[in-house]
Amino acid sequence: MKIELIRTLTDTFEGHAQQTEGGVEFWLARDLQQLLGYTEWRNFMAVVAKARTACEVSNHAVANHFVDINKMVDLGSGSQRAVDDLMLTRYACYLVAQNGDPKKPEIAFAQTYFAVQTRRARHSAAKRPMPQKRPPPKQIGPGTSTGRPYSSRQCIFTCTRG
């Protein structure tokens, strides 16, 4: 793929990102459907079903990454109609791309895009300094240097009642 096409596809994908009021990044499935080269919703939903299964099998909460919504679309008559859609997290978009038809150039691009993004994230995480270890918490209780009994507040994180 040519560099200019890659930049255009990346910008198009990132340009469709939205945010919830709480700051969670998401994409609408109907937008992603077009970006990934699927013309029919039912065919795209078969890919989404596989992505949901992959999410569930990997012990992630499907409801956190695939949120069913309805949105209003304009009709030719000037009226509106509700259609099904999904809010997808970046992770859900990744799973959709991984489960899509790799013969589609858009899917092949998306698979590569997510592989590169994952590598970049790992690389930048490796460059960050590791947090310094803190010394283990001091045990408080009978037989320790203080000789005082355990307090419930101290036991939550530092000790086990015998």
Protein backbone atom coordinates (compact mmCIF):
# COMPACT_ATOMS: atom_id res chain seq x y z
CA MET A 1 0.00 0.00 0.00
CA LYS A 2 1.26 3.46 -0.76
CA ILE A 3 2.16 5.74 2.14
CA GLU A 4 -0.42 8.36 1.12
CA LEU A 5 -3.21 5.78 1.07
CA ILE A 6 -2.15 4.50 4.50
CA ARG A 7 -2.23 8.03 5.92
CA THR A 8 -5.64 8.66 4.38
CA LEU A 9 -7.11 5.42 5.76
CA THR A 10 -5.61 6.08 9.20
CA ASP A 11 -6.93 9.64 9.27
CA THR A 12 -10.35 8.44 8.10
CA PHE A 13 -10.52 5.80 10.84
CA GLU A 14 -9.33 8.17 13.57
CA GLY A 15 -11.60 10.90 12.19
CA HIS A 16 -14.68 8.78 12.88
CA ALA A 17 -13.80 8.39 16.56
CA GLN A 18 -16.26 9.95 19.00
CA GLN A 19 -16.31 10.33 22.76
CA THR A 20 -18.94 9.76 25.38
CA GLU A 21 -19.57 12.43 28.01
CA GLY A 22 -17.34 10.34 30.30
CA GLY A 23 -14.46 10.51 27.81
CA VAL A 24 -14.70 6.95 26.46
CA GLU A 25 -13.58 6.75 22.83
CA PHE A 26 -15.92 4.88 20.47
CA TRP A 27 -16.87 4.31 16.83
CA LEU A 28 -20.34 3.66 15.43
CA ALA A 29 -20.62 0.26 13.77
CA ARG A 30 -22.43 1.65 10.74
CA ASP A 31 -19.50 4.02 10.15
CA LEU A 32 -16.99 1.21 10.66
CA GLN A 33 -18.98 -0.99 8.28
CA GLN A 34 -18.32 1.47 5.45
CA LEU A 35 -14.68 2.03 6.47
CA LEU A 36 -14.03 -1.73 6.34
CA GLY A 37 -15.62 -2.18 2.92
CA TYR A 38 -18.86 -3.94 3.89
CA THR A 39 -21.86 -2.81 1.86
CA GLU A 40 -24.49 -4.92 3.63
CA TRP A 41 -25.27 -4.58 7.33
CA ARG A 42 -26.16 -8.28 7.72
CA ASN A 43 -22.75 -9.36 6.40
CA PHE A 44 -21.01 -6.91 8.69
CA MET A 45 -23.06 -8.10 11.68
CA ALA A 46 -21.80 -11.66 11.07
CA VAL A 47 -18.26 -10.31 11.55
CA VAL A 48 -19.36 -8.38 14.65
CA ALA A 49 -20.85 -11.61 16.07
CA LYS A 50 -17.46 -13.33 15.71
CA ALA A 51 -15.78 -10.33 17.34
CA ARG A 52 -18.21 -10.49 20.28
CA THR A 53 -17.41 -14.18 20.72
CA ALA A 54 -13.67 -13.43 20.70
CA CYS A 55 -14.25 -10.72 23.31
CA GLU A 56 -16.20 -13.09 25.54
CA VAL A 57 -13.71 -15.95 25.18
CA SER A 58 -10.86 -13.61 26.14
CA ASN A 59 -12.71 -12.83 29.40
CA HIS A 60 -13.58 -9.22 28.56
CA ALA A 61 -17.05 -7.88 29.32
CA VAL A 62 -18.80 -7.80 25.93
CA ALA A 63 -21.24 -5.16 27.18
CA ASN A 64 -18.32 -2.79 27.84
CA HIS A 65 -17.07 -2.95 24.25
CA PHE A 66 -20.21 -3.57 22.13
CA VAL A 67 -23.09 -1.32 23.17
CA ASP A 68 -26.38 -1.69 21.28
CA ILE A 69 -27.96 1.65 20.41
CA ASN A 70 -30.58 3.10 18.07
CA LYS A 71 -29.92 6.17 16.00
CA MET A 72 -32.18 8.28 13.85
CA VAL A 73 -31.53 8.46 10.12
CA ASP A 74 -33.09 10.86 7.65
CA LEU A 75 -35.41 9.43 5.03
CA GLY A 76 -35.97 10.84 1.55
CA SER A 77 -39.42 12.08 2.56
CA GLY A 78 -37.88 14.37 5.18
CA SER A 79 -38.93 12.16 8.09
CA GLN A 80 -36.67 10.07 10.29
CA ARG A 81 -36.49 6.41 11.27
CA ALA A 82 -34.65 4.60 14.07
CA VAL A 83 -32.04 2.04 12.98
CA ASP A 84 -29.95 -0.37 15.03
CA ASP A 85 -26.31 0.51 15.56
CA LEU A 86 -23.51 -0.25 17.99
CA MET A 87 -21.01 1.82 19.90
CA LEU A 88 -17.66 0.04 19.60
CA THR A 89 -14.55 0.66 21.68
CA ARG A 90 -11.13 0.64 20.03
CA TYR A 91 -10.73 -2.93 21.31
CA ALA A 92 -14.03 -3.93 19.67
CA CYS A 93 -12.89 -2.32 16.39
CA TYR A 94 -9.68 -4.33 16.64
CA LEU A 95 -11.64 -7.56 17.12
CA VAL A 96 -13.95 -6.73 14.19
CA ALA A 97 -10.92 -6.12 11.96
CA GLN A 98 -9.31 -9.39 13.07
CA ASN A 99 -12.50 -11.31 12.25
CA GLY A 100 -13.18 -9.60 8.91
CA ASP A 101 -12.53 -10.86 5.39
CA PRO A 102 -8.77 -10.40 4.81
CA LYS A 103 -9.36 -10.35 1.04
CA LYS A 104 -10.90 -6.92 1.47
CA PRO A 105 -8.12 -4.31 1.21
CA GLU A 106 -9.78 -2.26 3.96
CA ILE A 107 -9.70 -5.24 6.35
CA ALA A 108 -6.08 -6.04 5.46
CA PHE A 109 -5.20 -2.42 6.18
CA ALA A 110 -7.11 -2.43 9.49
CA GLN A 111 -5.39 -5.62 10.63
CA THR A 112 -2.00 -4.10 9.88
CA TYR A 113 -3.01 -0.79 11.46
CA PHE A 114 -3.95 -2.44 14.75
CA ALA A 115 -0.80 -4.59 14.74
CA VAL A 116 1.34 -1.47 14.31
CA GLN A 117 -0.59 0.44 16.97
CA THR A 118 -0.19 -2.45 19.42
CA ARG A 119 3.54 -2.58 18.74
CA ARG A 120 3.84 1.18 19.26
CA ALA A 121 1.95 0.97 22.55
CA ARG A 122 4.19 -1.84 23.78
CA HIS A 123 7.30 0.02 22.67
CA SER A 124 6.30 3.25 24.43
CA ALA A 125 5.34 1.29 27.55
CA ALA A 126 8.78 -0.33 27.56
CA LYS A 127 10.42 3.12 27.47
CA ARG A 128 8.49 4.38 30.51
CA PRO A 129 10.38 4.03 33.78
CA MET A 130 9.14 1.26 36.00
CA PRO A 131 7.49 2.41 39.22
CA GLN A 132 9.78 2.02 42.18
CA LYS A 133 8.98 -0.76 44.60
CA ARG A 134 7.71 0.29 47.98
CA PRO A 135 8.86 -1.55 51.05
CA PRO A 136 6.41 -4.19 52.27
CA PRO A 137 3.82 -2.87 54.73
CA LYS A 138 4.65 -3.28 58.41
CA GLN A 139 2.67 -6.06 60.04
CA ILE A 140 0.80 -4.96 63.14
CA GLY A 141 -0.62 -7.46 65.58
CA PRO A 142 0.01 -9.82 68.49
CA GLY A 143 3.61 -10.93 68.62
CA THR A 144 4.88 -7.94 66.61
CA SER A 145 7.08 -5.26 68.07
CA THR A 146 4.04 -3.11 68.96
CA GLY A 147 2.20 -5.99 70.66
CA ARG A 148 -1.17 -4.39 69.93
CA PRO A 149 -4.05 -6.47 68.53
CA TYR A 150 -4.99 -6.22 64.86
CA SER A 151 -7.26 -3.36 63.91
CA SER A 152 -9.82 -4.03 61.18
CA ARG A 153 -8.48 -1.09 59.16
CA GLN A 154 -4.95 -2.49 59.15
CA CYS A 155 -6.05 -6.02 58.29
CA ILE A 156 -7.69 -5.11 55.01
CA PHE A 157 -4.42 -4.87 53.09
CA THR A 158 -1.57 -5.96 55.30
CA CYS A 159 -2.50 -8.95 57.43
CA THR A 160 -4.66 -12.00 57.80
CA ARG A 161 -6.51 -12.88 60.97
CA GLY A 162 -5.54 -16.23 62.38
